[in-house]
Amino acid sequence: QVQLVESGGGLVQAGGSLRLSCATSGRTFISYAMGWFRQAPGKEREFVAAISWIGGSTRYADSVKDRFTISRDNAKNTMYLQMNSLKVEDTALYYCAAGRSIAVVATEPGYWGQGTQVTVSS
C-alpha cells in the first residue's frame, strides 16, 4: 500500500508562489513514479507534472511549463511542486498521485492523495 498526503496549499495573490508537498507513509515511495493533478470547479481533472522514481526524468503540462517545478527527496519520502508566477486560472484542488512509471502517472495513477486547495486571487 502507498498512502499519499498533500500539504502546502493556500491563498496567494496572482504572481506569487507556493510550494506543495506530498508525503508518503511507507518505504515503497522510492520505487514509484510520482505526479500532480489538479481539478477546478466545473472542469475535468488535468495532469500537471510527473517525475520518475529516481528523479531523473520529468514531464509537465504545457499550461505550467516554465512556471512549475516538480522534485522529490526520497530520503524524506516527499515530493514537491514549486509553483511560481501563479495565475488565477491555476486555482484548483491539487492531487498527489503515484504509479509504476511516468506514463502510468500521467494517465491512470494507481494511488491518490486527498488533495490540497490552491486559490489564486487577482
PDB file of N, CA and C in Angstrom:
ATOM      1  N   GLN A   1       0.828  -1.188   0.000  1.00  0.00           N
ATOM      2  CA  GLN A   1       0.000   0.000   0.000  1.00  0.00           C
ATOM      3  C   GLN A   1       0.873   1.253   0.000  1.00  0.00           C
ATOM      4  N   VAL A   2       0.413   2.268  -0.716  1.00  0.00           N
ATOM      5  CA  VAL A   2       1.062   3.565  -0.743  1.00  0.00           C
ATOM      6  C   VAL A   2       0.033   4.604  -0.313  1.00  0.00           C
ATOM      7  N   GLN A   3       0.338   5.329   0.745  1.00  0.00           N
ATOM      8  CA  GLN A   3      -0.541   6.386   1.228  1.00  0.00           C
ATOM      9  C   GLN A   3       0.108   7.738   0.969  1.00  0.00           C
ATOM     10  N   LEU A   4      -0.655   8.647   0.378  1.00  0.00           N
ATOM     11  CA  LEU A   4      -0.152   9.960  -0.012  1.00  0.00           C
ATOM     12  C   LEU A   4      -0.916  11.057   0.718  1.00  0.00           C
ATOM     13  N   VAL A   5      -0.185  12.044   1.239  1.00  0.00           N
ATOM     14  CA  VAL A   5      -0.791  13.156   1.959  1.00  0.00           C
ATOM     15  C   VAL A   5      -0.221  14.466   1.445  1.00  0.00           C
ATOM     16  N   GLU A   6      -1.083  15.302   0.848  1.00  0.00           N
ATOM     17  CA  GLU A   6      -0.659  16.593   0.321  1.00  0.00           C
ATOM     18  C   GLU A   6      -0.734  17.671   1.398  1.00  0.00           C
ATOM     19  N   SER A   7       0.089  18.709   1.236  1.00  0.00           N
ATOM     20  CA  SER A   7       0.048  19.872   2.108  1.00  0.00           C
ATOM     21  C   SER A   7       0.667  21.057   1.377  1.00  0.00           C
ATOM     22  N   GLY A   8       0.503  22.242   1.927  1.00  0.00           N
ATOM     23  CA  GLY A   8       1.130  23.428   1.361  1.00  0.00           C
ATOM     24  C   GLY A   8       0.219  24.333   0.570  1.00  0.00           C
ATOM     25  N   GLY A   9      -1.022  23.931   0.370  1.00  0.00           N
ATOM     26  CA  GLY A   9      -1.956  24.770  -0.358  1.00  0.00           C
ATOM     27  C   GLY A   9      -2.347  25.985   0.457  1.00  0.00           C
ATOM     28  N   GLY A  10      -2.983  26.944  -0.196  1.00  0.00           N
ATOM     29  CA  GLY A  10      -3.403  28.150   0.495  1.00  0.00           C
ATOM     30  C   GLY A  10      -3.862  29.214  -0.460  1.00  0.00           C
ATOM     31  N   LEU A  11      -3.994  30.426   0.061  1.00  0.00           N
ATOM     32  CA  LEU A  11      -4.421  31.581  -0.724  1.00  0.00           C
ATOM     33  C   LEU A  11      -3.217  32.452  -1.040  1.00  0.00           C
ATOM     34  N   VAL A  12      -3.071  32.800  -2.305  1.00  0.00           N
ATOM     35  CA  VAL A  12      -1.944  33.618  -2.730  1.00  0.00           C
ATOM     36  C   VAL A  12      -2.395  34.569  -3.834  1.00  0.00           C
ATOM     37  N   GLN A  13      -1.775  35.728  -3.900  1.00  0.00           N
ATOM     38  CA  GLN A  13      -2.102  36.687  -4.953  1.00  0.00           C
ATOM     39  C   GLN A  13      -1.465  36.279  -6.275  1.00  0.00           C
ATOM     40  N   ALA A  14      -2.084  36.678  -7.370  1.00  0.00           N
ATOM     41  CA  ALA A  14      -1.533  36.409  -8.691  1.00  0.00           C
ATOM     42  C   ALA A  14      -0.099  36.926  -8.762  1.00  0.00           C
ATOM     43  N   GLY A  15       0.773  36.111  -9.343  1.00  0.00           N
ATOM     44  CA  GLY A  15       2.175  36.461  -9.438  1.00  0.00           C
ATOM     45  C   GLY A  15       3.005  35.905  -8.294  1.00  0.00           C
ATOM     46  N   GLY A  16       2.345  35.397  -7.268  1.00  0.00           N
ATOM     47  CA  GLY A  16       3.032  34.848  -6.115  1.00  0.00           C
ATOM     48  C   GLY A  16       3.430  33.401  -6.300  1.00  0.00           C
ATOM     49  N   SER A  17       3.931  32.797  -5.214  1.00  0.00           N
ATOM     50  CA  SER A  17       4.432  31.427  -5.266  1.00  0.00           C
ATOM     51  C   SER A  17       3.921  30.590  -4.105  1.00  0.00           C
ATOM     52  N   LEU A  18       3.862  29.287  -4.330  1.00  0.00           N
ATOM     53  CA  LEU A  18       3.538  28.310  -3.302  1.00  0.00           C
ATOM     54  C   LEU A  18       4.336  27.057  -3.580  1.00  0.00           C
ATOM     55  N   ARG A  19       4.628  26.296  -2.532  1.00  0.00           N
ATOM     56  CA  ARG A  19       5.260  25.000  -2.702  1.00  0.00           C
ATOM     57  C   ARG A  19       4.392  23.932  -2.060  1.00  0.00           C
ATOM     58  N   LEU A  20       3.940  22.999  -2.872  1.00  0.00           N
ATOM     59  CA  LEU A  20       3.144  21.890  -2.385  1.00  0.00           C
ATOM     60  C   LEU A  20       4.043  20.715  -2.037  1.00  0.00           C
ATOM     61  N   SER A  21       3.639  19.948  -1.033  1.00  0.00           N
ATOM     62  CA  SER A  21       4.372  18.767  -0.633  1.00  0.00           C
ATOM     63  C   SER A  21       3.451  17.559  -0.650  1.00  0.00           C
ATOM     64  N   CYS A  22       4.016  16.406  -0.944  1.00  0.00           N
ATOM     65  CA  CYS A  22       3.277  15.150  -0.910  1.00  0.00           C
ATOM     66  C   CYS A  22       4.141  14.142  -0.172  1.00  0.00           C
ATOM     67  N   ALA A  23       3.703  13.755   1.012  1.00  0.00           N
ATOM     68  CA  ALA A  23       4.443  12.814   1.834  1.00  0.00           C
ATOM     69  C   ALA A  23       3.818  11.429   1.758  1.00  0.00           C
ATOM     70  N   THR A  24       4.664  10.408   1.794  1.00  0.00           N
ATOM     71  CA  THR A  24       4.189   9.029   1.792  1.00  0.00           C
ATOM     72  C   THR A  24       4.428   8.402   3.149  1.00  0.00           C
ATOM     73  N   SER A  25       3.641   7.377   3.451  1.00  0.00           N
ATOM     74  CA  SER A  25       3.733   6.734   4.753  1.00  0.00           C
ATOM     75  C   SER A  25       4.597   5.485   4.764  1.00  0.00           C
ATOM     76  N   GLY A  26       4.990   5.002   3.586  1.00  0.00           N
ATOM     77  CA  GLY A  26       5.725   3.760   3.515  1.00  0.00           C
ATOM     78  C   GLY A  26       7.040   3.822   2.758  1.00  0.00           C
ATOM     79  N   ARG A  27       7.825   2.794   2.905  1.00  0.00           N
ATOM     80  CA  ARG A  27       9.132   2.694   2.268  1.00  0.00           C
ATOM     81  C   ARG A  27       9.040   2.466   0.764  1.00  0.00           C
ATOM     82  N   THR A  28       7.861   2.157   0.262  1.00  0.00           N
ATOM     83  CA  THR A  28       7.672   1.888  -1.158  1.00  0.00           C
ATOM     84  C   THR A  28       7.735   3.149  -2.016  1.00  0.00           C
ATOM     85  N   PHE A  29       7.770   4.323  -1.398  1.00  0.00           N
ATOM     86  CA  PHE A  29       7.820   5.585  -2.118  1.00  0.00           C
ATOM     87  C   PHE A  29       8.909   5.601  -3.185  1.00  0.00           C
ATOM     88  N   ILE A  30      10.085   5.127  -2.864  1.00  0.00           N
ATOM     89  CA  ILE A  30      11.233   5.232  -3.756  1.00  0.00           C
ATOM     90  C   ILE A  30      11.059   4.452  -5.055  1.00  0.00           C
ATOM     91  N   SER A  31      10.203   3.463  -5.081  1.00  0.00           N
ATOM     92  CA  SER A  31      10.023   2.630  -6.263  1.00  0.00           C
ATOM     93  C   SER A  31       8.900   3.101  -7.188  1.00  0.00           C
ATOM     94  N   TYR A  32       8.254   4.209  -6.859  1.00  0.00           N
ATOM     95  CA  TYR A  32       7.128   4.718  -7.640  1.00  0.00           C
ATOM     96  C   TYR A  32       7.421   6.050  -8.307  1.00  0.00           C
ATOM     97  N   ALA A  33       6.937   6.180  -9.542  1.00  0.00           N
ATOM     98  CA  ALA A  33       6.898   7.489 -10.170  1.00  0.00           C
ATOM     99  C   ALA A  33       5.800   8.294  -9.471  1.00  0.00           C
ATOM    100  N   MET A  34       5.955   9.602  -9.426  1.00  0.00           N
ATOM    101  CA  MET A  34       5.007  10.450  -8.721  1.00  0.00           C
ATOM    102  C   MET A  34       4.542  11.581  -9.628  1.00  0.00           C
ATOM    103  N   GLY A  35       3.399  12.172  -9.296  1.00  0.00           N
ATOM    104  CA  GLY A  35       2.914  13.261 -10.110  1.00  0.00           C
ATOM    105  C   GLY A  35       1.863  14.100  -9.415  1.00  0.00           C
ATOM    106  N   TRP A  36       1.475  15.164 -10.100  1.00  0.00           N
ATOM    107  CA  TRP A  36       0.450  16.084  -9.610  1.00  0.00           C
ATOM    108  C   TRP A  36      -0.641  16.270 -10.651  1.00  0.00           C
ATOM    109  N   PHE A  37      -1.878  16.292 -10.188  1.00  0.00           N
ATOM    110  CA  PHE A  37      -3.041  16.623 -11.000  1.00  0.00           C
ATOM    111  C   PHE A  37      -3.774  17.764 -10.309  1.00  0.00           C
ATOM    112  N   ARG A  38      -4.668  18.414 -11.037  1.00  0.00           N
ATOM    113  CA  ARG A  38      -5.491  19.450 -10.427  1.00  0.00           C
ATOM    114  C   ARG A  38      -6.871  19.451 -11.050  1.00  0.00           C
ATOM    115  N   GLN A  39      -7.838  19.920 -10.278  1.00  0.00           N
ATOM    116  CA  GLN A  39      -9.207  19.988 -10.758  1.00  0.00           C
ATOM    117  C   GLN A  39      -9.875  21.254 -10.240  1.00  0.00           C
ATOM    118  N   ALA A  40     -10.322  22.086 -11.167  1.00  0.00           N
ATOM    119  CA  ALA A  40     -11.036  23.307 -10.833  1.00  0.00           C
ATOM    120  C   ALA A  40     -12.535  23.042 -10.928  1.00  0.00           C
ATOM    121  N   PRO A  41     -13.349  23.815 -10.222  1.00  0.00           N
ATOM    122  CA  PRO A  41     -14.803  23.632 -10.281  1.00  0.00           C
ATOM    123  C   PRO A  41     -15.326  23.686 -11.711  1.00  0.00           C
ATOM    124  N   GLY A  42     -16.123  22.695 -12.092  1.00  0.00           N
ATOM    125  CA  GLY A  42     -16.695  22.662 -13.420  1.00  0.00           C
ATOM    126  C   GLY A  42     -15.769  22.171 -14.509  1.00  0.00           C
ATOM    127  N   LYS A  43     -14.565  21.770 -14.160  1.00  0.00           N
ATOM    128  CA  LYS A  43     -13.604  21.282 -15.142  1.00  0.00           C
ATOM    129  C   LYS A  43     -13.156  19.863 -14.815  1.00  0.00           C
ATOM    130  N   GLU A  44     -12.621  19.183 -15.825  1.00  0.00           N
ATOM    131  CA  GLU A  44     -12.099  17.840 -15.633  1.00  0.00           C
ATOM    132  C   GLU A  44     -10.755  17.898 -14.918  1.00  0.00           C
ATOM    133  N   ARG A  45     -10.434  16.813 -14.233  1.00  0.00           N
ATOM    134  CA  ARG A  45      -9.126  16.721 -13.610  1.00  0.00           C
ATOM    135  C   ARG A  45      -8.058  16.675 -14.701  1.00  0.00           C
ATOM    136  N   GLU A  46      -7.011  17.480 -14.544  1.00  0.00           N
ATOM    137  CA  GLU A  46      -5.976  17.542 -15.562  1.00  0.00           C
ATOM    138  C   GLU A  46      -4.592  17.253 -14.993  1.00  0.00           C
ATOM    139  N   PHE A  47      -3.766  16.683 -15.833  1.00  0.00           N
ATOM    140  CA  PHE A  47      -2.392  16.380 -15.477  1.00  0.00           C
ATOM    141  C   PHE A  47      -1.584  17.662 -15.362  1.00  0.00           C
ATOM    142  N   VAL A  48      -0.710  17.732 -14.362  1.00  0.00           N
ATOM    143  CA  VAL A  48       0.130  18.903 -14.145  1.00  0.00           C
ATOM    144  C   VAL A  48       1.603  18.580 -14.371  1.00  0.00           C
ATOM    145  N   ALA A  49       2.120  17.588 -13.657  1.00  0.00           N
ATOM    146  CA  ALA A  49       3.533  17.244 -13.756  1.00  0.00           C
ATOM    147  C   ALA A  49       3.779  15.856 -13.198  1.00  0.00           C
ATOM    148  N   ALA A  50       4.896  15.244 -13.607  1.00  0.00           N
ATOM    149  CA  ALA A  50       5.264  13.930 -13.099  1.00  0.00           C
ATOM    150  C   ALA A  50       6.778  13.821 -13.027  1.00  0.00           C
ATOM    151  N   ILE A  51       7.253  12.901 -12.187  1.00  0.00           N
ATOM    152  CA  ILE A  51       8.680  12.681 -12.006  1.00  0.00           C
ATOM    153  C   ILE A  51       8.935  11.192 -11.829  1.00  0.00           C
ATOM    154  N   SER A  52      10.038  10.703 -12.403  1.00  0.00           N
ATOM    155  CA  SER A  52      10.372   9.290 -12.299  1.00  0.00           C
ATOM    156  C   SER A  52      10.769   8.927 -10.876  1.00  0.00           C
ATOM    157  N   TRP A  53      10.856   7.633 -10.603  1.00  0.00           N
ATOM    158  CA  TRP A  53      11.097   7.182  -9.223  1.00  0.00           C
ATOM    159  C   TRP A  53      12.456   7.574  -8.684  1.00  0.00           C
ATOM    160  N   ILE A  54      13.442   7.782  -9.556  1.00  0.00           N
ATOM    161  CA  ILE A  54      14.753   8.231  -9.100  1.00  0.00           C
ATOM    162  C   ILE A  54      14.957   9.725  -9.344  1.00  0.00           C
ATOM    163  N   GLY A  55      13.973  10.378  -9.931  1.00  0.00           N
ATOM    164  CA  GLY A  55      14.032  11.815 -10.142  1.00  0.00           C
ATOM    165  C   GLY A  55      14.790  12.268 -11.369  1.00  0.00           C
ATOM    166  N   GLY A  56      15.185  11.348 -12.237  1.00  0.00           N
ATOM    167  CA  GLY A  56      15.972  11.708 -13.402  1.00  0.00           C
ATOM    168  C   GLY A  56      15.181  12.243 -14.579  1.00  0.00           C
ATOM    169  N   SER A  57      13.889  11.984 -14.607  1.00  0.00           N
ATOM    170  CA  SER A  57      13.039  12.417 -15.714  1.00  0.00           C
ATOM    171  C   SER A  57      11.812  13.130 -15.187  1.00  0.00           C
ATOM    172  N   THR A  58      11.386  14.169 -15.896  1.00  0.00           N
ATOM    173  CA  THR A  58      10.181  14.912 -15.522  1.00  0.00           C
ATOM    174  C   THR A  58       9.323  15.178 -16.742  1.00  0.00           C
ATOM    175  N   ARG A  59       8.061  15.482 -16.499  1.00  0.00           N
ATOM    176  CA  ARG A  59       7.120  15.789 -17.566  1.00  0.00           C
ATOM    177  C   ARG A  59       6.151  16.850 -17.052  1.00  0.00           C
ATOM    178  N   TYR A  60       5.846  17.839 -17.889  1.00  0.00           N
ATOM    179  CA  TYR A  60       4.971  18.935 -17.493  1.00  0.00           C
ATOM    180  C   TYR A  60       3.874  19.186 -18.511  1.00  0.00           C
ATOM    181  N   ALA A  61       2.729  19.625 -18.022  1.00  0.00           N
ATOM    182  CA  ALA A  61       1.677  20.099 -18.904  1.00  0.00           C
ATOM    183  C   ALA A  61       2.118  21.439 -19.478  1.00  0.00           C
ATOM    184  N   ASP A  62       1.701  21.721 -20.705  1.00  0.00           N
ATOM    185  CA  ASP A  62       2.087  22.975 -21.347  1.00  0.00           C
ATOM    186  C   ASP A  62       1.632  24.196 -20.546  1.00  0.00           C
ATOM    187  N   SER A  63       0.523  24.075 -19.846  1.00  0.00           N
ATOM    188  CA  SER A  63      -0.034  25.195 -19.108  1.00  0.00           C
ATOM    189  C   SER A  63       0.819  25.637 -17.921  1.00  0.00           C
ATOM    190  N   VAL A  64       1.715  24.763 -17.451  1.00  0.00           N
ATOM    191  CA  VAL A  64       2.537  25.099 -16.290  1.00  0.00           C
ATOM    192  C   VAL A  64       4.027  25.085 -16.602  1.00  0.00           C
ATOM    193  N   LYS A  65       4.377  24.693 -17.799  1.00  0.00           N
ATOM    194  CA  LYS A  65       5.780  24.622 -18.197  1.00  0.00           C
ATOM    195  C   LYS A  65       6.461  25.977 -17.992  1.00  0.00           C
ATOM    196  N   ASP A  66       7.653  25.956 -17.419  1.00  0.00           N
ATOM    197  CA  ASP A  66       8.486  27.128 -17.137  1.00  0.00           C
ATOM    198  C   ASP A  66       8.020  27.927 -15.921  1.00  0.00           C
ATOM    199  N   ARG A  67       6.913  27.516 -15.299  1.00  0.00           N
ATOM    200  CA  ARG A  67       6.446  28.170 -14.085  1.00  0.00           C
ATOM    201  C   ARG A  67       6.485  27.241 -12.874  1.00  0.00           C
ATOM    202  N   PHE A  68       6.182  25.961 -13.099  1.00  0.00           N
ATOM    203  CA  PHE A  68       6.170  24.973 -12.025  1.00  0.00           C
ATOM    204  C   PHE A  68       7.380  24.055 -12.137  1.00  0.00           C
ATOM    205  N   THR A  69       7.861  23.579 -10.990  1.00  0.00           N
ATOM    206  CA  THR A  69       8.970  22.639 -10.958  1.00  0.00           C
ATOM    207  C   THR A  69       8.653  21.494 -10.006  1.00  0.00           C
ATOM    208  N   ILE A  70       8.729  20.275 -10.516  1.00  0.00           N
ATOM    209  CA  ILE A  70       8.486  19.100  -9.689  1.00  0.00           C
ATOM    210  C   ILE A  70       9.817  18.511  -9.250  1.00  0.00           C
ATOM    211  N   SER A  71       9.873  18.035  -8.022  1.00  0.00           N
ATOM    212  CA  SER A  71      11.086  17.423  -7.496  1.00  0.00           C
ATOM    213  C   SER A  71      10.710  16.412  -6.422  1.00  0.00           C
ATOM    214  N   ARG A  72      11.678  15.617  -5.993  1.00  0.00           N
ATOM    215  CA  ARG A  72      11.417  14.659  -4.922  1.00  0.00           C
ATOM    216  C   ARG A  72      12.652  14.455  -4.076  1.00  0.00           C
ATOM    217  N   ASP A  73      12.436  14.158  -2.809  1.00  0.00           N
ATOM    218  CA  ASP A  73      13.503  13.872  -1.865  1.00  0.00           C
ATOM    219  C   ASP A  73      13.184  12.509  -1.281  1.00  0.00           C
ATOM    220  N   ASN A  74      13.794  11.487  -1.847  1.00  0.00           N
ATOM    221  CA  ASN A  74      13.483  10.125  -1.428  1.00  0.00           C
ATOM    222  C   ASN A  74      13.918   9.836   0.009  1.00  0.00           C
ATOM    223  N   ALA A  75      14.923  10.547   0.493  1.00  0.00           N
ATOM    224  CA  ALA A  75      15.359  10.368   1.876  1.00  0.00           C
ATOM    225  C   ALA A  75      14.266  10.795   2.845  1.00  0.00           C
ATOM    226  N   LYS A  76      13.411  11.733   2.414  1.00  0.00           N
ATOM    227  CA  LYS A  76      12.314  12.220   3.238  1.00  0.00           C
ATOM    228  C   LYS A  76      10.970  11.659   2.799  1.00  0.00           C
ATOM    229  N   ASN A  77      10.987  10.795   1.780  1.00  0.00           N
ATOM    230  CA  ASN A  77       9.745  10.227   1.242  1.00  0.00           C
ATOM    231  C   ASN A  77       8.739  11.320   0.878  1.00  0.00           C
ATOM    232  N   THR A  78       9.238  12.361   0.233  1.00  0.00           N
ATOM    233  CA  THR A  78       8.407  13.519  -0.068  1.00  0.00           C
ATOM    234  C   THR A  78       8.632  14.021  -1.490  1.00  0.00           C
ATOM    235  N   MET A  79       7.542  14.396  -2.153  1.00  0.00           N
ATOM    236  CA  MET A  79       7.590  15.006  -3.474  1.00  0.00           C
ATOM    237  C   MET A  79       7.104  16.444  -3.351  1.00  0.00           C
ATOM    238  N   TYR A  80       7.639  17.327  -4.195  1.00  0.00           N
ATOM    239  CA  TYR A  80       7.301  18.735  -4.124  1.00  0.00           C
ATOM    240  C   TYR A  80       6.849  19.282  -5.475  1.00  0.00           C
ATOM    241  N   LEU A  81       6.045  20.329  -5.420  1.00  0.00           N
ATOM    242  CA  LEU A  81       5.687  21.076  -6.613  1.00  0.00           C
ATOM    243  C   LEU A  81       5.871  22.554  -6.287  1.00  0.00           C
ATOM    244  N   GLN A  82       6.924  23.145  -6.824  1.00  0.00           N
ATOM    245  CA  GLN A  82       7.173  24.569  -6.647  1.00  0.00           C
ATOM    246  C   GLN A  82       6.406  25.316  -7.724  1.00  0.00           C
ATOM    247  N   MET A  83       5.499  26.190  -7.319  1.00  0.00           N
ATOM    248  CA  MET A  83       4.649  26.920  -8.242  1.00  0.00           C
ATOM    249  C   MET A  83       4.982  28.404  -8.168  1.00  0.00           C
ATOM    250  N   ASN A  84       5.482  28.940  -9.265  1.00  0.00           N
ATOM    251  CA  ASN A  84       5.839  30.351  -9.352  1.00  0.00           C
ATOM    252  C   ASN A  84       4.963  31.060 -10.374  1.00  0.00           C
ATOM    253  N   SER A  85       4.939  32.384 -10.297  1.00  0.00           N
ATOM    254  CA  SER A  85       4.152  33.202 -11.231  1.00  0.00           C
ATOM    255  C   SER A  85       2.726  32.680 -11.348  1.00  0.00           C
ATOM    256  N   LEU A  86       2.109  32.436 -10.220  1.00  0.00           N
ATOM    257  CA  LEU A  86       0.768  31.862 -10.203  1.00  0.00           C
ATOM    258  C   LEU A  86      -0.263  32.777 -10.851  1.00  0.00           C
ATOM    259  N   LYS A  87      -1.201  32.152 -11.551  1.00  0.00           N
ATOM    260  CA  LYS A  87      -2.274  32.846 -12.229  1.00  0.00           C
ATOM    261  C   LYS A  87      -3.607  32.447 -11.614  1.00  0.00           C
ATOM    262  N   VAL A  88      -4.608  33.272 -11.806  1.00  0.00           N
ATOM    263  CA  VAL A  88      -5.941  32.977 -11.287  1.00  0.00           C
ATOM    264  C   VAL A  88      -6.423  31.621 -11.808  1.00  0.00           C
ATOM    265  N   GLU A  89      -6.106  31.307 -13.051  1.00  0.00           N
ATOM    266  CA  GLU A  89      -6.535  30.049 -13.642  1.00  0.00           C
ATOM    267  C   GLU A  89      -5.834  28.825 -13.058  1.00  0.00           C
ATOM    268  N   ASP A  90      -4.835  29.038 -12.206  1.00  0.00           N
ATOM    269  CA  ASP A  90      -4.189  27.928 -11.510  1.00  0.00           C
ATOM    270  C   ASP A  90      -5.001  27.481 -10.301  1.00  0.00           C
ATOM    271  N   THR A  91      -6.018  28.235  -9.942  1.00  0.00           N
ATOM    272  CA  THR A  91      -6.867  27.898  -8.805  1.00  0.00           C
ATOM    273  C   THR A  91      -7.515  26.534  -9.022  1.00  0.00           C
ATOM    274  N   ALA A  92      -7.298  25.620  -8.082  1.00  0.00           N
ATOM    275  CA  ALA A  92      -7.820  24.263  -8.211  1.00  0.00           C
ATOM    276  C   ALA A  92      -7.491  23.462  -6.961  1.00  0.00           C
ATOM    277  N   LEU A  93      -8.083  22.280  -6.875  1.00  0.00           N
ATOM    278  CA  LEU A  93      -7.707  21.313  -5.862  1.00  0.00           C
ATOM    279  C   LEU A  93      -6.591  20.476  -6.470  1.00  0.00           C
ATOM    280  N   TYR A  94      -5.438  20.465  -5.832  1.00  0.00           N
ATOM    281  CA  TYR A  94      -4.279  19.759  -6.355  1.00  0.00           C
ATOM    282  C   TYR A  94      -4.119  18.408  -5.678  1.00  0.00           C
ATOM    283  N   TYR A  95      -3.971  17.369  -6.502  1.00  0.00           N
ATOM    284  CA  TYR A  95      -3.857  16.000  -6.012  1.00  0.00           C
ATOM    285  C   TYR A  95      -2.482  15.416  -6.284  1.00  0.00           C
ATOM    286  N   CYS A  96      -1.955  14.730  -5.312  1.00  0.00           N
ATOM    287  CA  CYS A  96      -0.740  13.958  -5.455  1.00  0.00           C
ATOM    288  C   CYS A  96      -1.106  12.575  -5.969  1.00  0.00           C
ATOM    289  N   ALA A  97      -0.270  12.009  -6.844  1.00  0.00           N
ATOM    290  CA  ALA A  97      -0.546  10.695  -7.405  1.00  0.00           C
ATOM    291  C   ALA A  97       0.733   9.880  -7.529  1.00  0.00           C
ATOM    292  N   ALA A  98       0.582   8.564  -7.612  1.00  0.00           N
ATOM    293  CA  ALA A  98       1.723   7.666  -7.761  1.00  0.00           C
ATOM    294  C   ALA A  98       1.375   6.524  -8.697  1.00  0.00           C
ATOM    295  N   GLY A  99       2.389   6.024  -9.397  1.00  0.00           N
ATOM    296  CA  GLY A  99       2.202   4.919 -10.312  1.00  0.00           C
ATOM    297  C   GLY A  99       3.521   4.237 -10.614  1.00  0.00           C
ATOM    298  N   ARG A 100       3.490   3.227 -11.453  1.00  0.00           N
ATOM    299  CA  ARG A 100       4.676   2.430 -11.722  1.00  0.00           C
ATOM    300  C   ARG A 100       5.638   3.074 -12.709  1.00  0.00           C
ATOM    301  N   SER A 101       5.191   4.109 -13.413  1.00  0.00           N
ATOM    302  CA  SER A 101       6.032   4.813 -14.365  1.00  0.00           C
ATOM    303  C   SER A 101       5.442   6.192 -14.612  1.00  0.00           C
ATOM    304  N   ILE A 102       6.221   7.059 -15.268  1.00  0.00           N
ATOM    305  CA  ILE A 102       5.720   8.383 -15.610  1.00  0.00           C
ATOM    306  C   ILE A 102       4.499   8.271 -16.522  1.00  0.00           C
ATOM    307  N   ALA A 103       4.544   7.342 -17.470  1.00  0.00           N
ATOM    308  CA  ALA A 103       3.424   7.150 -18.386  1.00  0.00           C
ATOM    309  C   ALA A 103       2.151   6.773 -17.631  1.00  0.00           C
ATOM    310  N   VAL A 104       2.278   5.903 -16.643  1.00  0.00           N
ATOM    311  CA  VAL A 104       1.131   5.499 -15.848  1.00  0.00           C
ATOM    312  C   VAL A 104       0.608   6.665 -15.020  1.00  0.00           C
ATOM    313  N   VAL A 105       1.504   7.408 -14.390  1.00  0.00           N
ATOM    314  CA  VAL A 105       1.106   8.543 -13.569  1.00  0.00           C
ATOM    315  C   VAL A 105       0.354   9.584 -14.392  1.00  0.00           C
ATOM    316  N   ALA A 106       0.809   9.817 -15.614  1.00  0.00           N
ATOM    317  CA  ALA A 106       0.211  10.841 -16.465  1.00  0.00           C
ATOM    318  C   ALA A 106      -1.168  10.465 -16.985  1.00  0.00           C
ATOM    319  N   THR A 107      -1.517   9.184 -16.939  1.00  0.00           N
ATOM    320  CA  THR A 107      -2.789   8.721 -17.492  1.00  0.00           C
ATOM    321  C   THR A 107      -3.733   8.127 -16.454  1.00  0.00           C
ATOM    322  N   GLU A 108      -3.307   7.098 -15.763  1.00  0.00           N
ATOM    323  CA  GLU A 108      -4.157   6.444 -14.765  1.00  0.00           C
ATOM    324  C   GLU A 108      -3.337   6.017 -13.550  1.00  0.00           C
ATOM    325  N   PRO A 109      -3.047   6.954 -12.664  1.00  0.00           N
ATOM    326  CA  PRO A 109      -2.279   6.644 -11.455  1.00  0.00           C
ATOM    327  C   PRO A 109      -2.960   5.580 -10.600  1.00  0.00           C
ATOM    328  N   GLY A 110      -2.164   4.790  -9.920  1.00  0.00           N
ATOM    329  CA  GLY A 110      -2.717   3.751  -9.072  1.00  0.00           C
ATOM    330  C   GLY A 110      -3.085   4.229  -7.686  1.00  0.00           C
ATOM    331  N   TYR A 111      -2.518   5.357  -7.269  1.00  0.00           N
ATOM    332  CA  TYR A 111      -2.756   5.882  -5.930  1.00  0.00           C
ATOM    333  C   TYR A 111      -2.981   7.388  -5.970  1.00  0.00           C
ATOM    334  N   TRP A 112      -3.856   7.865  -5.074  1.00  0.00           N
ATOM    335  CA  TRP A 112      -4.190   9.287  -4.997  1.00  0.00           C
ATOM    336  C   TRP A 112      -4.179   9.783  -3.565  1.00  0.00           C
ATOM    337  N   GLY A 113      -3.815  11.059  -3.401  1.00  0.00           N
ATOM    338  CA  GLY A 113      -3.938  11.702  -2.108  1.00  0.00           C
ATOM    339  C   GLY A 113      -5.311  12.339  -1.994  1.00  0.00           C
ATOM    340  N   GLN A 114      -5.558  13.045  -0.884  1.00  0.00           N
ATOM    341  CA  GLN A 114      -6.859  13.661  -0.640  1.00  0.00           C
ATOM    342  C   GLN A 114      -7.015  15.023  -1.310  1.00  0.00           C
ATOM    343  N   GLY A 115      -5.913  15.657  -1.658  1.00  0.00           N
ATOM    344  CA  GLY A 115      -5.953  16.944  -2.314  1.00  0.00           C
ATOM    345  C   GLY A 115      -5.673  18.103  -1.371  1.00  0.00           C
ATOM    346  N   THR A 116      -5.108  19.172  -1.912  1.00  0.00           N
ATOM    347  CA  THR A 116      -4.883  20.401  -1.163  1.00  0.00           C
ATOM    348  C   THR A 116      -5.303  21.579  -2.035  1.00  0.00           C
ATOM    349  N   GLN A 117      -6.037  22.509  -1.460  1.00  0.00           N
ATOM    350  CA  GLN A 117      -6.618  23.612  -2.225  1.00  0.00           C
ATOM    351  C   GLN A 117      -5.621  24.734  -2.456  1.00  0.00           C
ATOM    352  N   VAL A 118      -5.535  25.174  -3.706  1.00  0.00           N
ATOM    353  CA  VAL A 118      -4.735  26.331  -4.075  1.00  0.00           C
ATOM    354  C   VAL A 118      -5.678  27.369  -4.661  1.00  0.00           C
ATOM    355  N   THR A 119      -5.700  28.553  -4.068  1.00  0.00           N
ATOM    356  CA  THR A 119      -6.550  29.625  -4.549  1.00  0.00           C
ATOM    357  C   THR A 119      -5.703  30.847  -4.860  1.00  0.00           C
ATOM    358  N   VAL A 120      -5.783  31.312  -6.101  1.00  0.00           N
ATOM    359  CA  VAL A 120      -5.011  32.468  -6.545  1.00  0.00           C
ATOM    360  C   VAL A 120      -5.969  33.633  -6.764  1.00  0.00           C
ATOM    361  N   SER A 121      -5.751  34.713  -6.063  1.00  0.00           N
ATOM    362  CA  SER A 121      -6.624  35.878  -6.152  1.00  0.00           C
ATOM    363  C   SER A 121      -6.034  36.939  -7.076  1.00  0.00           C
ATOM    364  N   SER A 122      -6.902  37.732  -7.677  1.00  0.00           N
ATOM    365  CA  SER A 122      -6.476  38.795  -8.574  1.00  0.00           C
ATOM    366  C   SER A 122      -6.283  40.100  -7.830  1.00  0.00           C
TER     367      SER A 122
END
